Amino acid sequence: MSVVDRAGRRVEQVVARYFDAPLPHSEGLPRYVAPLPEWLEDLGLRLAWPIALVNLVGTVFGFWYYAGRPTDLAPPLLGGQLGVAPPAAYPLIPDSPVATMFIGLSLVAWKLDFEAEPLHALAFFGCIKLGLWTPFVQLVVNGLGTLPLWLYWFLVLSHLAMAVEAFLIHRYAAFSVPAVAVALAWYGVNDVVDYFVPVLEGPHHTWLRAEITATGIDHSLAAHDLAAGWAVVLTLLATFFALATRIEKLRTADRG
């Protein structure tokens, strides 16, 4: 065991004194579908309640962000991207807040022993996709621009943490084919209406600062294609990881 693993296990054991609920069995899946060290998986699962709360608070923050970050209760309460969209489009726009809602509720469902396989798959897809899409867009497409430095790096680092969270889910979820199909349908439809077939006065992808010009938002710029291409790649990647995890879990069960 490496020095890092020994130190990590000690931290996990300290946390276990206060969060000592039973954990789902570690199945010893290959690293390509379970890249986190076992001690980090155990630590994350022991802290499921605090992590769920942080994610649900993040959902509230995300809607505040998409509503133009209002600082008072004076009307209109909705500005920003939500303020100019029809209400029917609201579920399609704030992708990151919806993803943090999925992972927060997924952890709650597991802790309460609810059967929620589609929710677990949605959480996995959301954390992989938005956890890796947003840092790419901020670092490669948008840049800092006029965004406050603290908010810029908060967006990058908090979303990377979402990608890490995704790899806790395999410990308590089965990744059944129907559940993966639900998640693929949701995020596939999001890709289509975000970038390719606008509906409800779309497109509905997060506003890209790199698309904003003096005359408005220009979706013909390369920034749009970069964001769209990476979104589709991540949907495919999440599908691969989910189904590969399913296969490896079945193989492990057969060997057992």
Protein backbone atom coordinates (compact mmCIF):
# COMPACT_ATOMS: atom_id res chain seq x y z
CA MET A 1 0.00 0.00 0.00
CA SER A 2 1.41 3.39 -0.99
CA VAL A 3 1.97 6.27 1.41
CA VAL A 4 -1.01 8.12 -0.09
CA ASP A 5 -3.27 5.08 0.28
CA ARG A 6 -2.19 4.54 3.89
CA ALA A 7 -2.83 8.21 4.73
CA GLY A 8 -6.17 8.12 2.92
CA ARG A 9 -7.25 5.00 4.76
CA ARG A 10 -6.38 6.61 8.09
CA VAL A 11 -8.55 9.61 7.21
CA GLU A 12 -11.39 7.28 6.21
CA GLN A 13 -11.08 5.41 9.50
CA VAL A 14 -11.29 8.66 11.47
CA VAL A 15 -14.41 9.66 9.56
CA ALA A 16 -15.85 6.17 10.18
CA ARG A 17 -15.94 6.91 13.91
CA TYR A 18 -18.69 9.45 13.24
CA PHE A 19 -20.25 8.02 10.05
CA ASP A 20 -20.15 4.30 10.74
CA ALA A 21 -23.10 3.02 8.69
CA PRO A 22 -22.47 -0.15 6.65
CA LEU A 23 -21.04 0.41 3.18
CA PRO A 24 -21.85 -1.50 0.01
CA HIS A 25 -19.31 -4.17 -0.82
CA SER A 26 -16.39 -3.18 -3.03
CA GLU A 27 -16.53 -5.53 -6.02
CA GLY A 28 -12.95 -4.98 -7.13
CA LEU A 29 -13.90 -3.64 -10.56
CA PRO A 30 -11.15 -2.78 -13.06
CA ARG A 31 -9.59 0.66 -12.78
CA TYR A 32 -10.98 1.82 -16.11
CA VAL A 33 -14.52 1.81 -14.65
CA ALA A 34 -13.61 2.33 -10.97
CA PRO A 35 -10.62 4.70 -11.01
CA LEU A 36 -10.90 5.92 -7.41
CA PRO A 37 -8.88 4.14 -4.71
CA GLU A 38 -11.07 2.07 -2.43
CA TRP A 39 -10.38 4.27 0.59
CA LEU A 40 -11.65 7.31 -1.33
CA GLU A 41 -14.79 5.46 -2.40
CA ASP A 42 -15.36 4.45 1.24
CA LEU A 43 -14.76 8.01 2.43
CA GLY A 44 -17.18 9.46 -0.10
CA LEU A 45 -19.87 6.93 0.77
CA ARG A 46 -19.44 7.50 4.49
CA LEU A 47 -19.96 11.21 3.85
CA ALA A 48 -23.01 10.58 1.65
CA TRP A 49 -25.34 12.81 3.69
CA PRO A 50 -23.00 15.86 3.74
CA ILE A 51 -22.12 15.37 0.08
CA ALA A 52 -25.81 15.11 -0.85
CA LEU A 53 -26.50 18.32 1.04
CA VAL A 54 -23.62 20.14 -0.67
CA ASN A 55 -24.92 19.06 -4.07
CA LEU A 56 -28.47 20.16 -3.33
CA VAL A 57 -27.20 23.52 -2.11
CA GLY A 58 -25.21 23.64 -5.35
CA THR A 59 -28.47 23.12 -7.22
CA VAL A 60 -29.92 26.20 -5.56
CA PHE A 61 -26.75 28.17 -6.33
CA GLY A 62 -26.90 26.99 -9.94
CA PHE A 63 -30.45 28.20 -10.45
CA TRP A 64 -29.44 31.51 -8.85
CA TYR A 65 -26.59 31.70 -11.35
CA TYR A 66 -28.82 30.95 -14.35
CA ALA A 67 -31.36 33.51 -13.09
CA GLY A 68 -28.79 36.26 -13.45
CA ARG A 69 -27.46 36.11 -9.86
CA PRO A 70 -30.12 38.43 -8.35
CA THR A 71 -29.04 40.12 -5.13
CA ASP A 72 -32.44 41.35 -3.97
CA LEU A 73 -36.10 40.35 -4.15
CA ALA A 74 -37.17 43.24 -6.35
CA PRO A 75 -38.93 42.16 -9.54
CA PRO A 76 -38.13 40.71 -11.93
CA LEU A 77 -36.76 37.80 -9.91
CA LEU A 78 -35.76 35.93 -13.04
CA GLY A 79 -33.06 37.47 -15.18
CA GLY A 80 -30.15 35.95 -17.01
CA GLN A 81 -30.76 32.99 -19.30
CA LEU A 82 -33.87 31.79 -17.46
CA GLY A 83 -35.34 35.27 -17.63
CA VAL A 84 -35.49 35.26 -21.42
CA ALA A 85 -36.60 31.62 -21.84
CA PRO A 86 -40.17 30.28 -21.77
CA PRO A 87 -40.99 28.36 -18.55
CA ALA A 88 -41.42 25.11 -20.50
CA ALA A 89 -37.71 25.29 -21.41
CA TYR A 90 -36.47 25.63 -17.82
CA PRO A 91 -35.67 21.90 -17.36
CA LEU A 92 -33.48 22.01 -20.49
CA ILE A 93 -31.31 25.00 -19.58
CA PRO A 94 -29.61 24.70 -16.16
CA ASP A 95 -27.82 21.41 -16.88
CA SER A 96 -25.29 21.58 -14.03
CA PRO A 97 -27.86 22.38 -11.30
CA VAL A 98 -30.02 19.50 -12.56
CA ALA A 99 -26.98 17.20 -12.48
CA THR A 100 -26.14 18.14 -8.88
CA MET A 101 -29.80 17.56 -8.01
CA PHE A 102 -29.57 14.08 -9.56
CA ILE A 103 -26.45 13.09 -7.58
CA GLY A 104 -27.80 14.61 -4.36
CA LEU A 105 -31.07 12.70 -4.67
CA SER A 106 -29.24 9.54 -5.78
CA LEU A 107 -27.19 9.52 -2.57
CA VAL A 108 -30.32 10.20 -0.50
CA ALA A 109 -32.16 7.36 -2.24
CA TRP A 110 -29.30 4.97 -1.53
CA LYS A 111 -29.10 5.99 2.13
CA LEU A 112 -32.86 5.53 2.53
CA ASP A 113 -32.76 2.21 0.64
CA PHE A 114 -35.10 3.38 -2.11
CA GLU A 115 -35.13 1.57 -5.44
CA ALA A 116 -34.04 4.30 -7.85
CA GLU A 117 -31.95 2.80 -10.65
CA PRO A 118 -32.92 5.41 -13.30
CA LEU A 119 -32.02 8.19 -10.86
CA HIS A 120 -28.60 6.62 -10.19
CA ALA A 121 -27.94 6.40 -13.93
CA LEU A 122 -29.03 10.01 -14.46
CA ALA A 123 -26.69 11.07 -11.65
CA PHE A 124 -23.79 9.16 -13.20
CA PHE A 125 -24.36 10.64 -16.65
CA GLY A 126 -24.87 14.14 -15.25
CA CYS A 127 -21.73 14.13 -13.14
CA ILE A 128 -19.56 12.77 -15.95
CA LYS A 129 -21.00 15.07 -18.57
CA LEU A 130 -21.29 18.37 -16.73
CA GLY A 131 -18.29 17.63 -14.53
CA LEU A 132 -16.09 17.54 -17.64
CA TRP A 133 -18.00 19.79 -20.04
CA THR A 134 -17.94 22.93 -17.90
CA PRO A 135 -14.16 22.95 -17.17
CA PHE A 136 -13.47 22.41 -20.88
CA VAL A 137 -15.74 25.28 -21.86
CA GLN A 138 -14.36 27.62 -19.19
CA LEU A 139 -10.69 26.83 -19.85
CA VAL A 140 -10.69 26.27 -23.61
CA VAL A 141 -13.71 28.07 -25.07
CA ASN A 142 -14.68 30.98 -22.81
CA GLY A 143 -11.64 32.02 -20.82
CA LEU A 144 -12.00 34.33 -17.84
CA GLY A 145 -13.63 37.24 -19.63
CA THR A 146 -15.38 39.53 -17.17
CA LEU A 147 -16.26 36.75 -14.75
CA PRO A 148 -14.89 37.29 -11.21
CA LEU A 149 -11.78 35.19 -10.71
CA TRP A 150 -13.22 33.42 -7.65
CA LEU A 151 -16.36 32.42 -9.55
CA TYR A 152 -14.37 31.27 -12.59
CA TRP A 153 -12.22 28.85 -10.58
CA PHE A 154 -15.16 27.81 -8.42
CA LEU A 155 -16.99 26.74 -11.57
CA VAL A 156 -13.96 24.80 -12.85
CA LEU A 157 -13.07 23.03 -9.60
CA SER A 158 -16.59 22.32 -8.37
CA HIS A 159 -17.48 20.70 -11.67
CA LEU A 160 -14.34 18.56 -11.65
CA ALA A 161 -15.47 17.37 -8.20
CA MET A 162 -18.74 16.28 -9.82
CA ALA A 163 -16.80 14.02 -12.18
CA VAL A 164 -15.10 12.41 -9.18
CA GLU A 165 -18.45 11.87 -7.46
CA ALA A 166 -19.69 9.90 -10.46
CA PHE A 167 -17.36 7.04 -9.60
CA LEU A 168 -18.95 6.49 -6.20
CA ILE A 169 -22.24 5.42 -7.75
CA HIS A 170 -21.15 1.99 -8.99
CA ARG A 171 -20.87 0.82 -5.37
CA TYR A 172 -24.65 0.98 -4.87
CA ALA A 173 -26.14 1.05 -8.39
CA ALA A 174 -26.61 -1.82 -10.85
CA PHE A 175 -26.52 0.28 -14.06
CA SER A 176 -29.29 -1.82 -15.56
CA VAL A 177 -29.84 -1.42 -19.29
CA PRO A 178 -33.28 0.25 -18.87
CA ALA A 179 -31.81 2.75 -16.38
CA VAL A 180 -28.93 3.57 -18.73
CA ALA A 181 -31.45 3.99 -21.56
CA VAL A 182 -33.35 6.59 -19.51
CA ALA A 183 -30.17 8.56 -18.84
CA LEU A 184 -29.04 8.31 -22.46
CA ALA A 185 -32.45 9.51 -23.67
CA TRP A 186 -32.43 12.50 -21.31
CA TYR A 187 -28.91 13.65 -22.10
CA GLY A 188 -29.18 12.75 -25.78
CA VAL A 189 -32.31 14.87 -26.14
CA ASN A 190 -30.52 17.68 -24.30
CA ASP A 191 -27.68 17.56 -26.83
CA VAL A 192 -30.10 17.70 -29.74
CA VAL A 193 -32.15 20.66 -28.51
CA ASP A 194 -29.10 22.46 -27.12
CA TYR A 195 -27.08 22.48 -30.31
CA PHE A 196 -28.79 20.98 -33.35
CA VAL A 197 -32.62 21.23 -33.40
CA PRO A 198 -33.75 24.25 -31.35
CA VAL A 199 -37.19 24.02 -29.71
CA LEU A 200 -39.09 26.28 -27.31
CA GLU A 201 -37.23 29.36 -28.52
CA GLY A 202 -33.91 27.53 -28.12
CA PRO A 203 -31.10 26.61 -28.34
CA HIS A 204 -30.85 25.90 -24.65
CA HIS A 205 -27.17 25.28 -23.96
CA THR A 206 -25.50 27.42 -21.33
CA TRP A 207 -24.70 30.82 -22.78
CA LEU A 208 -21.11 30.81 -23.99
CA ARG A 209 -19.23 34.06 -23.41
CA ALA A 210 -17.23 33.27 -26.54
CA GLU A 211 -20.46 33.43 -28.60
CA ILE A 212 -21.52 36.85 -27.34
CA THR A 213 -20.75 39.58 -29.87
CA ALA A 214 -21.63 43.25 -30.18
CA THR A 215 -24.77 42.32 -32.13
CA GLY A 216 -25.91 39.45 -29.89
CA ILE A 217 -25.24 35.73 -29.59
CA ASP A 218 -23.66 34.20 -32.70
CA HIS A 219 -24.10 30.42 -32.85
CA SER A 220 -22.12 30.19 -36.09
CA LEU A 221 -18.82 30.74 -34.28
CA ALA A 222 -16.36 27.91 -33.66
CA ALA A 223 -17.09 28.14 -29.93
CA HIS A 224 -20.54 26.67 -30.56
CA ASP A 225 -19.11 23.72 -32.47
CA LEU A 226 -16.47 23.04 -29.80
CA ALA A 227 -19.05 23.05 -27.00
CA ALA A 228 -21.46 20.90 -29.03
CA GLY A 229 -18.82 18.37 -30.04
CA TRP A 230 -17.54 17.95 -26.49
CA ALA A 231 -21.09 17.55 -25.17
CA VAL A 232 -21.79 14.72 -27.61
CA VAL A 233 -18.45 13.04 -26.87
CA LEU A 234 -19.23 13.13 -23.13
CA THR A 235 -22.69 11.64 -23.62
CA LEU A 236 -21.08 8.77 -25.54
CA LEU A 237 -18.35 8.45 -22.90
CA ALA A 238 -20.87 8.28 -20.06
CA THR A 239 -22.82 5.62 -21.98
CA PHE A 240 -19.67 3.57 -22.46
CA PHE A 241 -18.65 3.82 -18.81
CA ALA A 242 -22.15 2.94 -17.57
CA LEU A 243 -22.52 -0.13 -19.79
CA ALA A 244 -18.90 -1.22 -19.22
CA THR A 245 -19.51 -0.97 -15.47
CA ARG A 246 -22.61 -3.13 -15.89
CA ILE A 247 -20.60 -5.75 -17.79
CA GLU A 248 -17.77 -5.78 -15.26
CA LYS A 249 -20.22 -6.11 -12.35
CA LEU A 250 -21.82 -9.12 -14.05
CA ARG A 251 -18.42 -10.67 -14.70
CA THR A 252 -17.45 -10.18 -11.07
CA ALA A 253 -20.70 -11.78 -9.93
CA ASP A 254 -20.13 -14.77 -12.23
CA ARG A 255 -16.62 -15.27 -10.87
CA GLY A 256 -17.98 -15.08 -7.32
